[in-house]
C-alpha atoms as a PDB file:
ATOM      1  CA  MET A   1     100.321 -88.128  52.558  1.00  0.00           C
ATOM      2  CA  LYS A   2     102.535 -85.452  53.909  1.00  0.00           C
ATOM      3  CA  SER A   3     100.747 -82.881  51.854  1.00  0.00           C
ATOM      4  CA  GLN A   4      97.318 -83.855  53.115  1.00  0.00           C
ATOM      5  CA  LYS A   5      98.440 -83.554  56.736  1.00  0.00           C
ATOM      6  CA  SER A   6      99.868 -80.187  56.141  1.00  0.00           C
ATOM      7  CA  ASN A   7      96.515 -79.031  54.772  1.00  0.00           C
ATOM      8  CA  GLU A   8      94.637 -80.246  57.810  1.00  0.00           C
ATOM      9  CA  ASP A   9      97.138 -78.548  60.099  1.00  0.00           C
ATOM     10  CA  MET A  10      96.619 -75.320  58.182  1.00  0.00           C
ATOM     11  CA  LYS A  11      92.852 -75.613  58.529  1.00  0.00           C
ATOM     12  CA  ARG A  12      93.152 -76.270  62.259  1.00  0.00           C
ATOM     13  CA  ALA A  13      95.458 -73.310  62.722  1.00  0.00           C
ATOM     14  CA  THR A  14      93.140 -71.111  60.797  1.00  0.00           C
ATOM     15  CA  GLY A  15      90.088 -72.111  62.944  1.00  0.00           C
ATOM     16  CA  VAL A  16      92.021 -71.349  66.133  1.00  0.00           C
ATOM     17  CA  ASN A  17      92.999 -67.974  64.804  1.00  0.00           C
ATOM     18  CA  MET A  18      89.329 -67.107  63.994  1.00  0.00           C
ATOM     19  CA  TRP A  19      88.154 -67.978  67.454  1.00  0.00           C
ATOM     20  CA  LEU A  20      91.005 -66.014  68.920  1.00  0.00           C
ATOM     21  CA  ILE A  21      90.100 -62.959  66.901  1.00  0.00           C
ATOM     22  CA  ALA A  22      86.443 -63.250  67.973  1.00  0.00           C
ATOM     23  CA  ILE A  23      87.340 -63.497  71.659  1.00  0.00           C
ATOM     24  CA  VAL A  24      89.695 -60.543  71.435  1.00  0.00           C
ATOM     25  CA  THR A  25      86.992 -58.517  69.687  1.00  0.00           C
ATOM     26  CA  ILE A  26      84.424 -59.308  72.394  1.00  0.00           C
ATOM     27  CA  ILE A  27      86.869 -58.342  75.108  1.00  0.00           C
ATOM     28  CA  ILE A  28      87.696 -55.059  73.438  1.00  0.00           C
ATOM     29  CA  ALA A  29      83.980 -54.208  72.938  1.00  0.00           C
ATOM     30  CA  SER A  30      83.277 -55.007  76.582  1.00  0.00           C
ATOM     31  CA  LEU A  31      86.113 -52.794  77.711  1.00  0.00           C
ATOM     32  CA  ILE A  32      84.862 -49.935  75.535  1.00  0.00           C
ATOM     33  CA  ASN A  33      81.340 -50.362  76.892  1.00  0.00           C
ATOM     34  CA  TRP A  34      82.549 -50.428  80.434  1.00  0.00           C
ATOM     35  CA  PHE A  35      84.678 -47.396  79.815  1.00  0.00           C
ATOM     36  CA  MET A  36      81.789 -45.437  78.276  1.00  0.00           C
ATOM     37  CA  VAL A  37      79.365 -46.377  80.986  1.00  0.00           C
ATOM     38  CA  THR A  38      81.929 -45.614  83.678  1.00  0.00           C
ATOM     39  CA  ASN A  39      82.832 -42.251  82.223  1.00  0.00           C
ATOM     40  CA  LEU A  40      79.380 -41.168  80.786  1.00  0.00           C
ATOM     41  CA  ALA A  41      77.067 -42.386  83.520  1.00  0.00           C
ATOM     42  CA  ALA A  42      74.771 -39.695  84.990  1.00  0.00           C
ATOM     43  CA  PRO A  43      72.190 -39.617  87.823  1.00  0.00           C
ATOM     44  CA  LYS A  44      68.785 -41.236  87.125  1.00  0.00           C
ATOM     45  CA  SER A  45      66.928 -38.015  87.868  1.00  0.00           C
ATOM     46  CA  VAL A  46      68.772 -36.310  85.070  1.00  0.00           C
ATOM     47  CA  TYR A  47      67.708 -38.988  82.604  1.00  0.00           C
ATOM     48  CA  ALA A  48      64.093 -38.799  83.858  1.00  0.00           C
ATOM     49  CA  SER A  49      64.058 -35.021  83.387  1.00  0.00           C
ATOM     50  CA  ASP A  50      65.437 -35.351  79.889  1.00  0.00           C
ATOM     51  CA  ILE A  51      62.930 -38.076  79.129  1.00  0.00           C
ATOM     52  CA  ASN A  52      60.104 -35.815  80.387  1.00  0.00           C
ATOM     53  CA  LYS A  53      61.371 -32.978  78.253  1.00  0.00           C
ATOM     54  CA  ILE A  54      61.512 -35.299  75.315  1.00  0.00           C
ATOM     55  CA  ASN A  55      57.987 -36.576  76.079  1.00  0.00           C
ATOM     56  CA  ASN A  56      56.721 -32.992  76.436  1.00  0.00           C
ATOM     57  CA  SER A  57      58.344 -32.072  73.165  1.00  0.00           C
ATOM     58  CA  MET A  58      56.815 -35.109  71.571  1.00  0.00           C
ATOM     59  CA  SER A  59      53.399 -34.132  73.029  1.00  0.00           C
ATOM     60  CA  HIS A  60      53.821 -30.601  71.665  1.00  0.00           C
ATOM     61  CA  ILE A  61      54.891 -32.042  68.401  1.00  0.00           C
ATOM     62  CA  ASN A  62      51.867 -34.355  68.422  1.00  0.00           C
ATOM     63  CA  ASP A  63      49.578 -31.444  69.396  1.00  0.00           C
ATOM     64  CA  SER A  64      51.121 -29.333  66.676  1.00  0.00           C
ATOM     65  CA  THR A  65      50.716 -32.172  64.246  1.00  0.00           C
ATOM     66  CA  THR A  66      47.075 -32.577  65.287  1.00  0.00           C
ATOM     67  CA  SER A  67      46.492 -28.821  65.003  1.00  0.00           C
ATOM     68  CA  LEU A  68      48.289 -28.769  61.705  1.00  0.00           C
ATOM     69  CA  ASN A  69      46.100 -31.655  60.519  1.00  0.00           C
ATOM     70  CA  VAL A  70      42.965 -29.860  61.734  1.00  0.00           C
ATOM     71  CA  PHE A  71      44.141 -26.623  60.097  1.00  0.00           C
ATOM     72  CA  THR A  72      45.029 -28.535  56.942  1.00  0.00           C
ATOM     73  CA  ASP A  73      41.599 -30.225  56.896  1.00  0.00           C
ATOM     74  CA  HIS A  74      39.941 -26.845  57.497  1.00  0.00           C
ATOM     75  CA  GLN A  75      41.981 -25.286  54.743  1.00  0.00           C
ATOM     76  CA  ASN A  76      41.195 -28.199  52.458  1.00  0.00           C
ATOM     77  CA  THR A  77      37.510 -27.738  53.323  1.00  0.00           C
ATOM     78  CA  LEU A  78      37.784 -24.006  52.660  1.00  0.00           C
ATOM     79  CA  ILE A  79      39.655 -24.682  49.446  1.00  0.00           C
ATOM     80  CA  GLY A  80      37.016 -27.245  48.436  1.00  0.00           C
ATOM     81  CA  ASN A  81      34.194 -24.834  49.318  1.00  0.00           C
ATOM     82  CA  LEU A  82      36.058 -22.054  47.521  1.00  0.00           C
ATOM     83  CA  ALA A  83      36.508 -24.314  44.520  1.00  0.00           C
ATOM     84  CA  ASP A  84      32.798 -25.213  44.572  1.00  0.00           C
ATOM     85  CA  SER A  85      31.819 -21.574  45.066  1.00  0.00           C
ATOM     86  CA  THR A  86      34.230 -20.479  42.372  1.00  0.00           C
ATOM     87  CA  GLN A  87      32.932 -23.163  40.030  1.00  0.00           C
ATOM     88  CA  THR A  88      29.373 -22.081  40.827  1.00  0.00           C
ATOM     89  CA  GLN A  89      30.319 -18.475  40.143  1.00  0.00           C
ATOM     90  CA  PHE A  90      32.067 -19.565  36.963  1.00  0.00           C
ATOM     91  CA  ASP A  91      28.904 -21.449  35.978  1.00  0.00           C
ATOM     92  CA  GLU A  92      26.788 -18.406  36.791  1.00  0.00           C
ATOM     93  CA  VAL A  93      29.161 -16.191  34.834  1.00  0.00           C
ATOM     94  CA  ASN A  94      29.059 -18.639  31.920  1.00  0.00           C
ATOM     95  CA  ASN A  95      25.250 -18.720  32.145  1.00  0.00           C
ATOM     96  CA  SER A  96      25.213 -14.925  32.249  1.00  0.00           C
ATOM     97  CA  ILE A  97      27.498 -14.849  29.219  1.00  0.00           C
ATOM     98  CA  VAL A  98      25.197 -17.304  27.415  1.00  0.00           C
ATOM     99  CA  ASP A  99      22.141 -15.217  28.387  1.00  0.00           C
ATOM    100  CA  THR A 100      23.949 -12.064  27.298  1.00  0.00           C
ATOM    101  CA  ASN A 101      24.845 -13.661  23.960  1.00  0.00           C
ATOM    102  CA  ASN A 102      21.232 -14.784  23.527  1.00  0.00           C
ATOM    103  CA  ASN A 103      20.029 -11.291  24.397  1.00  0.00           C
ATOM    104  CA  LEU A 104      22.554  -9.831  21.969  1.00  0.00           C
ATOM    105  CA  SER A 105      21.342 -12.218  19.273  1.00  0.00           C
ATOM    106  CA  GLN A 106      17.731 -11.243  20.003  1.00  0.00           C
ATOM    107  CA  THR A 107      18.738  -7.589  20.025  1.00  0.00           C
ATOM    108  CA  GLU A 108      20.518  -7.998  16.686  1.00  0.00           C
ATOM    109  CA  SER A 109      17.449  -9.801  15.315  1.00  0.00           C
ATOM    110  CA  SER A 110      15.215  -7.043  16.666  1.00  0.00           C
ATOM    111  CA  LEU A 111      17.527  -4.411  15.161  1.00  0.00           C
ATOM    112  CA  SER A 112      17.443  -6.225  11.824  1.00  0.00           C
ATOM    113  CA  GLN A 113      13.654  -6.405  11.980  1.00  0.00           C
ATOM    114  CA  THR A 114      13.521  -2.760  13.019  1.00  0.00           C
ATOM    115  CA  GLN A 115      15.754  -1.810  10.079  1.00  0.00           C
ATOM    116  CA  SER A 116      13.525  -3.868   7.780  1.00  0.00           C
ATOM    117  CA  ASP A 117      10.433  -2.182   9.251  1.00  0.00           C
ATOM    118  CA  LEU A 118      12.110   1.215   8.860  1.00  0.00           C
ATOM    119  CA  SER A 119      12.906   0.401   5.231  1.00  0.00           C
ATOM    120  CA  SER A 120       9.273  -0.643   4.693  1.00  0.00           C
ATOM    121  CA  VAL A 121       8.037   2.523   6.401  1.00  0.00           C
ATOM    122  CA  LYS A 122      10.445   4.572   4.257  1.00  0.00           C
ATOM    123  CA  SER A 123       9.134   2.868   1.125  1.00  0.00           C
ATOM    124  CA  GLN A 124       5.540   3.487   2.234  1.00  0.00           C
ATOM    125  CA  GLU A 125       6.476   7.084   3.017  1.00  0.00           C
ATOM    126  CA  ASN A 126       7.928   7.492  -0.472  1.00  0.00           C
ATOM    127  CA  ASN A 127       4.808   5.899  -2.005  1.00  0.00           C
ATOM    128  CA  LEU A 128       2.608   8.132   0.133  1.00  0.00           C
ATOM    129  CA  LYS A 129       4.618  11.176  -0.942  1.00  0.00           C
ATOM    130  CA  THR A 130       4.233  10.133  -4.584  1.00  0.00           C
ATOM    131  CA  GLN A 131       0.488   9.656  -4.075  1.00  0.00           C
ATOM    132  CA  THR A 132       0.297  12.977  -2.230  1.00  0.00           C
ATOM    133  CA  ASP A 133       2.116  14.720  -5.066  1.00  0.00           C
ATOM    134  CA  SER A 134      -0.194  13.014  -7.565  1.00  0.00           C
ATOM    135  CA  LEU A 135      -3.231  14.037  -5.513  1.00  0.00           C
ATOM    136  CA  ALA A 136      -1.893  17.589  -5.330  1.00  0.00           C
ATOM    137  CA  THR A 137      -1.480  17.621  -9.115  1.00  0.00           C
ATOM    138  CA  GLN A 138      -4.961  16.170  -9.571  1.00  0.00           C
ATOM    139  CA  SER A 139      -6.296  18.703  -7.078  1.00  0.00           C
ATOM    140  CA  ASN A 140      -4.712  21.526  -9.064  1.00  0.00           C
ATOM    141  CA  GLN A 141      -6.149  20.084 -12.257  1.00  0.00           C
ATOM    142  CA  LEU A 142      -9.535  19.708 -10.578  1.00  0.00           C
ATOM    143  CA  ASN A 143      -9.374  23.296  -9.326  1.00  0.00           C
ATOM    144  CA  SER A 144      -8.528  24.428 -12.850  1.00  0.00           C
ATOM    145  CA  GLN A 145     -11.407  22.354 -14.217  1.00  0.00           C
ATOM    146  CA  LEU A 146     -13.718  23.721 -11.534  1.00  0.00           C
ATOM    147  CA  THR A 147     -12.640  27.233 -12.476  1.00  0.00           C
ATOM    148  CA  THR A 148     -13.380  26.427 -16.113  1.00  0.00           C
ATOM    149  CA  VAL A 149     -16.717  24.840 -15.136  1.00  0.00           C
ATOM    150  CA  ASN A 150     -17.570  27.883 -13.041  1.00  0.00           C
ATOM    151  CA  GLN A 151     -16.723  30.133 -15.969  1.00  0.00           C
ATOM    152  CA  LYS A 152     -18.826  27.960 -18.252  1.00  0.00           C
ATOM    153  CA  ALA A 153     -21.576  27.934 -15.629  1.00  0.00           C
ATOM    154  CA  ASP A 154     -21.402  31.721 -15.485  1.00  0.00           C
ATOM    155  CA  ASN A 155     -21.504  31.852 -19.278  1.00  0.00           C
ATOM    156  CA  THR A 156     -24.390  29.374 -19.286  1.00  0.00           C
ATOM    157  CA  LYS A 157     -26.221  31.415 -16.668  1.00  0.00           C
ATOM    158  CA  THR A 158     -25.657  34.519 -18.752  1.00  0.00           C
ATOM    159  CA  SER A 159     -26.983  32.700 -21.818  1.00  0.00           C
ATOM    160  CA  LEU A 160     -29.966  31.405 -19.842  1.00  0.00           C
ATOM    161  CA  ASP A 161     -30.659  34.855 -18.501  1.00  0.00           C
ATOM    162  CA  THR A 162     -30.464  36.213 -22.046  1.00  0.00           C
ATOM    163  CA  LEU A 163     -32.745  33.443 -23.306  1.00  0.00           C
ATOM    164  CA  THR A 164     -35.157  34.040 -20.430  1.00  0.00           C
ATOM    165  CA  THR A 165     -35.222  37.720 -21.295  1.00  0.00           C
ATOM    166  CA  LYS A 166     -35.858  36.916 -24.930  1.00  0.00           C
ATOM    167  CA  VAL A 167     -38.550  34.373 -24.094  1.00  0.00           C
ATOM    168  CA  SER A 168     -40.141  36.822 -21.724  1.00  0.00           C
ATOM    169  CA  GLY A 169     -40.186  39.328 -24.558  1.00  0.00           C
ATOM    170  CA  LEU A 170     -41.959  36.920 -26.891  1.00  0.00           C
ATOM    171  CA  ALA A 171     -45.632  37.153 -27.395  1.00  0.00           C
ATOM    172  CA  PRO A 172     -47.691  34.778 -25.310  1.00  0.00           C
ATOM    173  CA  GLY A 173     -48.320  31.414 -26.943  1.00  0.00           C
ATOM    174  CA  ILE A 174     -51.204  30.133 -28.973  1.00  0.00           C
ATOM    175  CA  GLN A 175     -52.855  26.756 -29.321  1.00  0.00           C
ATOM    176  CA  ILE A 176     -53.555  25.438 -32.821  1.00  0.00           C
ATOM    177  CA  ILE A 177     -55.707  22.428 -33.693  1.00  0.00           C
ATOM    178  CA  PRO A 178     -55.553  21.687 -37.438  1.00  0.00           C
ATOM    179  CA  THR A 179     -57.977  19.523 -39.396  1.00  0.00           C
ATOM    180  CA  MET A 180     -57.758  18.659 -43.097  1.00  0.00           C
ATOM    181  CA  SER A 181     -60.259  17.463 -45.698  1.00  0.00           C
ATOM    182  CA  SER A 182     -60.491  17.718 -49.508  1.00  0.00           C
ATOM    183  CA  GLY A 183     -57.549  20.143 -49.908  1.00  0.00           C
ATOM    184  CA  THR A 184     -58.641  22.384 -47.038  1.00  0.00           C
ATOM    185  CA  ILE A 185     -56.769  22.925 -43.800  1.00  0.00           C
ATOM    186  CA  SER A 186     -58.946  24.302 -41.011  1.00  0.00           C
ATOM    187  CA  LEU A 187     -57.107  25.904 -38.096  1.00  0.00           C
ATOM    188  CA  SER A 188     -58.856  26.252 -34.743  1.00  0.00           C
ATOM    189  CA  ILE A 189     -56.726  28.812 -32.885  1.00  0.00           C
ATOM    190  CA  ARG A 190     -56.811  30.004 -29.280  1.00  0.00           C
ATOM    191  CA  SER A 191     -54.594  33.004 -28.552  1.00  0.00           C
ATOM    192  CA  ASP A 192     -53.658  34.367 -25.144  1.00  0.00           C
ATOM    193  CA  ILE A 193     -53.462  37.917 -26.439  1.00  0.00           C
ATOM    194  CA  ALA A 194     -54.279  39.876 -29.561  1.00  0.00           C
ATOM    195  CA  GLN A 195     -51.333  39.383 -31.897  1.00  0.00           C
ATOM    196  CA  THR A 196     -50.239  38.914 -35.499  1.00  0.00           C
ATOM    197  CA  VAL A 197     -49.133  35.432 -36.498  1.00  0.00           C
ATOM    198  CA  ALA A 198     -47.897  33.852 -39.724  1.00  0.00           C
ATOM    199  CA  PHE A 199     -47.744  30.125 -40.436  1.00  0.00           C
ATOM    200  CA  LYS A 200     -45.100  27.941 -41.933  1.00  0.00           C
ATOM    201  CA  LEU A 201     -46.391  24.884 -43.814  1.00  0.00           C
ATOM    202  CA  GLU A 202     -44.020  22.046 -44.768  1.00  0.00           C
ATOM    203  CA  PHE A 203     -45.108  19.379 -47.240  1.00  0.00           C
ATOM    204  CA  ARG A 204     -42.849  16.285 -47.025  1.00  0.00           C
ATOM    205  CA  PRO A 205     -43.297  13.604 -49.673  1.00  0.00           C
ATOM    206  CA  THR A 206     -44.310  10.226 -48.282  1.00  0.00           C
ATOM    207  CA  THR A 207     -43.234   8.601 -51.572  1.00  0.00           C
ATOM    208  CA  ASP A 208     -39.998   9.206 -53.484  1.00  0.00           C
ATOM    209  CA  MET A 209     -40.201  12.042 -56.029  1.00  0.00           C
ATOM    210  CA  SER A 210     -37.164  11.956 -58.335  1.00  0.00           C
ATOM    211  CA  GLN A 211     -36.387  15.022 -60.450  1.00  0.00           C
ATOM    212  CA  LEU A 212     -33.724  15.808 -63.041  1.00  0.00           C
ATOM    213  CA  ALA A 213     -29.914  15.434 -63.207  1.00  0.00           C
ATOM    214  CA  THR A 214     -29.171  19.142 -62.613  1.00  0.00           C
ATOM    215  CA  MET A 215     -30.494  21.378 -59.847  1.00  0.00           C
ATOM    216  CA  ASP A 216     -31.371  24.272 -62.164  1.00  0.00           C
ATOM    217  CA  ALA A 217     -33.372  22.016 -64.456  1.00  0.00           C
ATOM    218  CA  ALA A 218     -35.113  20.330 -61.501  1.00  0.00           C
ATOM    219  CA  LEU A 219     -36.078  23.689 -59.897  1.00  0.00           C
ATOM    220  CA  ALA A 220     -37.226  25.115 -63.258  1.00  0.00           C
ATOM    221  CA  ALA A 221     -39.493  22.134 -63.778  1.00  0.00           C
ATOM    222  CA  LEU A 222     -40.899  22.344 -60.221  1.00  0.00           C
ATOM    223  CA  TYR A 223     -41.654  26.045 -60.468  1.00  0.00           C
ATOM    224  CA  THR A 224     -43.158  25.602 -63.940  1.00  0.00           C
ATOM    225  CA  THR A 225     -45.448  22.806 -62.802  1.00  0.00           C
ATOM    226  CA  PRO A 226     -45.728  23.039 -59.005  1.00  0.00           C
ATOM    227  CA  PRO A 227     -46.739  19.765 -57.337  1.00  0.00           C
ATOM    228  CA  ILE A 228     -48.504  21.833 -54.653  1.00  0.00           C
ATOM    229  CA  THR A 229     -50.204  25.237 -54.677  1.00  0.00           C
ATOM    230  CA  VAL A 230     -51.271  26.905 -51.430  1.00  0.00           C
ATOM    231  CA  THR A 231     -53.723  29.766 -50.833  1.00  0.00           C
ATOM    232  CA  ALA A 232     -53.933  31.495 -47.444  1.00  0.00           C
ATOM    233  CA  GLY A 233     -55.957  34.626 -48.185  1.00  0.00           C
ATOM    234  CA  SER A 234     -53.822  34.820 -51.336  1.00  0.00           C
ATOM    235  CA  SER A 235     -51.390  32.566 -53.171  1.00  0.00           C
ATOM    236  CA  VAL A 236     -48.324  31.534 -51.148  1.00  0.00           C
ATOM    237  CA  ARG A 237     -44.993  30.860 -52.859  1.00  0.00           C
ATOM    238  CA  GLY A 238     -43.397  27.485 -52.265  1.00  0.00           C
ATOM    239  CA  ASP A 239     -39.645  26.890 -51.799  1.00  0.00           C
ATOM    240  CA  TYR A 240     -38.096  23.549 -52.734  1.00  0.00           C
ATOM    241  CA  THR A 241     -35.396  21.588 -50.972  1.00  0.00           C
ATOM    242  CA  LEU A 242     -33.643  18.973 -53.108  1.00  0.00           C
ATOM    243  CA  TYR A 243     -31.116  16.262 -52.293  1.00  0.00           C
ATOM    244  CA  TRP A 244     -28.772  14.280 -54.562  1.00  0.00           C
ATOM    245  CA  ASP A 245     -29.172  10.509 -54.737  1.00  0.00           C
ATOM    246  CA  THR A 246     -26.080   8.589 -55.893  1.00  0.00           C
ATOM    247  CA  SER A 247     -28.105   5.485 -56.654  1.00  0.00           C
ATOM    248  CA  ASP A 248     -29.614   7.078 -59.790  1.00  0.00           C
ATOM    249  CA  ASN A 249     -27.540  10.283 -60.074  1.00  0.00           C
ATOM    250  CA  LEU A 250     -30.680  12.438 -59.929  1.00  0.00           C
ATOM    251  CA  TYR A 251     -32.022  15.151 -57.638  1.00  0.00           C
ATOM    252  CA  HIS A 252     -35.017  14.222 -55.468  1.00  0.00           C
ATOM    253  CA  LEU A 253     -37.630  16.365 -53.750  1.00  0.00           C
ATOM    254  CA  GLY A 254     -37.014  16.687 -50.029  1.00  0.00           C
ATOM    255  CA  VAL A 255     -39.575  19.189 -48.779  1.00  0.00           C
ATOM    256  CA  ILE A 256     -41.729  22.100 -50.032  1.00  0.00           C
ATOM    257  CA  SER A 257     -41.995  25.028 -47.590  1.00  0.00           C
ATOM    258  CA  PHE A 258     -44.669  27.775 -47.535  1.00  0.00           C
ATOM    259  CA  ILE A 259     -44.785  30.847 -45.254  1.00  0.00           C
ATOM    260  CA  THR A 260     -48.079  32.672 -45.177  1.00  0.00           C
ATOM    261  CA  GLU A 261     -48.628  36.355 -44.599  1.00  0.00           C
ATOM    262  CA  GLY A 262     -49.415  37.502 -41.094  1.00  0.00           C
ATOM    263  CA  THR A 263     -52.937  37.309 -39.771  1.00  0.00           C
ATOM    264  CA  SER A 264     -54.370  39.231 -36.824  1.00  0.00           C
ATOM    265  CA  LEU A 265     -55.672  37.133 -33.952  1.00  0.00           C
ATOM    266  CA  SER A 266     -57.890  38.353 -31.184  1.00  0.00           C
ATOM    267  CA  VAL A 267     -57.784  37.108 -27.609  1.00  0.00           C
ATOM    268  CA  GLY A 268     -59.515  33.787 -27.291  1.00  0.00           C
ATOM    269  CA  ALA A 269     -60.826  31.564 -30.093  1.00  0.00           C
ATOM    270  CA  ASN A 270     -59.962  32.238 -33.748  1.00  0.00           C
ATOM    271  CA  SER A 271     -60.257  30.199 -36.939  1.00  0.00           C
ATOM    272  CA  ARG A 272     -58.400  30.320 -40.248  1.00  0.00           C
ATOM    273  CA  THR A 273     -58.645  28.296 -43.452  1.00  0.00           C
ATOM    274  CA  ILE A 274     -55.833  27.378 -45.858  1.00  0.00           C
ATOM    275  CA  THR A 275     -56.510  25.653 -49.130  1.00  0.00           C
ATOM    276  CA  PHE A 276     -54.076  23.686 -51.284  1.00  0.00           C
ATOM    277  CA  VAL A 277     -53.981  21.645 -54.445  1.00  0.00           C
ATOM    278  CA  THR A 278     -51.496  18.790 -54.693  1.00  0.00           C
ATOM    279  CA  SER A 279     -50.457  15.914 -56.887  1.00  0.00           C
ATOM    280  CA  GLY A 280     -48.808  13.223 -54.815  1.00  0.00           C
ATOM    281  CA  SER A 281     -48.851  12.112 -51.204  1.00  0.00           C
ATOM    282  CA  PHE A 282     -47.432  14.436 -48.522  1.00  0.00           C
ATOM    283  CA  GLU A 283     -47.099  14.830 -44.771  1.00  0.00           C
ATOM    284  CA  ILE A 284     -48.039  18.361 -43.626  1.00  0.00           C
ATOM    285  CA  LEU A 285     -46.356  20.220 -40.720  1.00  0.00           C
ATOM    286  CA  ILE A 286     -47.711  23.571 -39.424  1.00  0.00           C
ATOM    287  CA  THR A 287     -45.662  25.974 -37.280  1.00  0.00           C
ATOM    288  CA  PRO A 288     -46.755  29.416 -35.986  1.00  0.00           C
ATOM    289  CA  LEU A 289     -44.327  32.289 -36.660  1.00  0.00           C
ATOM    290  CA  TYR A 290     -44.206  35.652 -34.945  1.00  0.00           C
ATOM    291  CA  PRO A 291     -43.329  38.357 -37.467  1.00  0.00           C
ATOM    292  CA  THR A 292     -41.728  41.593 -36.344  1.00  0.00           C
ATOM    293  CA  GLY A 293     -42.631  45.071 -37.456  1.00  0.00           C
ATOM    294  CA  THR A 294     -45.984  46.876 -37.584  1.00  0.00           C
ATOM    295  CA  SER A 295     -47.586  45.230 -40.634  1.00  0.00           C
ATOM    296  CA  THR A 296     -50.806  43.324 -40.088  1.00  0.00           C
ATOM    297  CA  GLY A 297     -52.100  40.313 -41.860  1.00  0.00           C
ATOM    298  CA  SER A 298     -54.751  40.273 -44.581  1.00  0.00           C
ATOM    299  CA  TRP A 299     -56.665  37.113 -43.671  1.00  0.00           C
END
């Protein structure tokens, strides 16, 4: 019981002490306040002036803040516009770079095409040069051939001139109309001038006439027994042409030729008669000949 009382007394003493400390503290604070007010008090006008200065400073600060905000907004606007303008310029530059790259690509393509075209033109030029060289060679060959042709033409002209001279020197022509009956050949002759003419008569067998196995024996037999005898004013000798036939290994008669003596023809119409005797069937060809010299014919 004694202990419990002591505790309560201690609690009561402690509460009194707390209140005492609080009161002392309040008194001390009041004294300090009074002392500060008493010693630091100043006239009201001084405080009003300081307050006005402070208000003015605050106004200037507010104005500065407002101006700074306006300037900041303006700068932000300028920076935004600059950013937009810069971005636009960047876009334009990028577009220009893209266009430039496209133009470069087109230029490279054009250069490649131009190089290809130049290569094609060079190839065509080489082909043209080859063709030109070939044409030049052909032209030279043609010129050489033309020179040769001209030489041949000159030679031909010379030959023609010679032939013309010789033909001009020949006696004028004659027209002969032969008729034949019963071993007689009648010649109706028209001559442009008076001249001496001989006649060649060729008798060609129309059927095969085989002879002997040797030429000498065949000719001896033909001359011994002539298959044809011709008389033109006088007897005319016949000449025999033989050919070898491998089918029977014998000579065969090819043609019998007779050349008469010359006969004098007057200008205009003339007639001559040739007689012949033949065994066999023959085709007869008559050709006028123009003998040279001064001898005259006898029929």
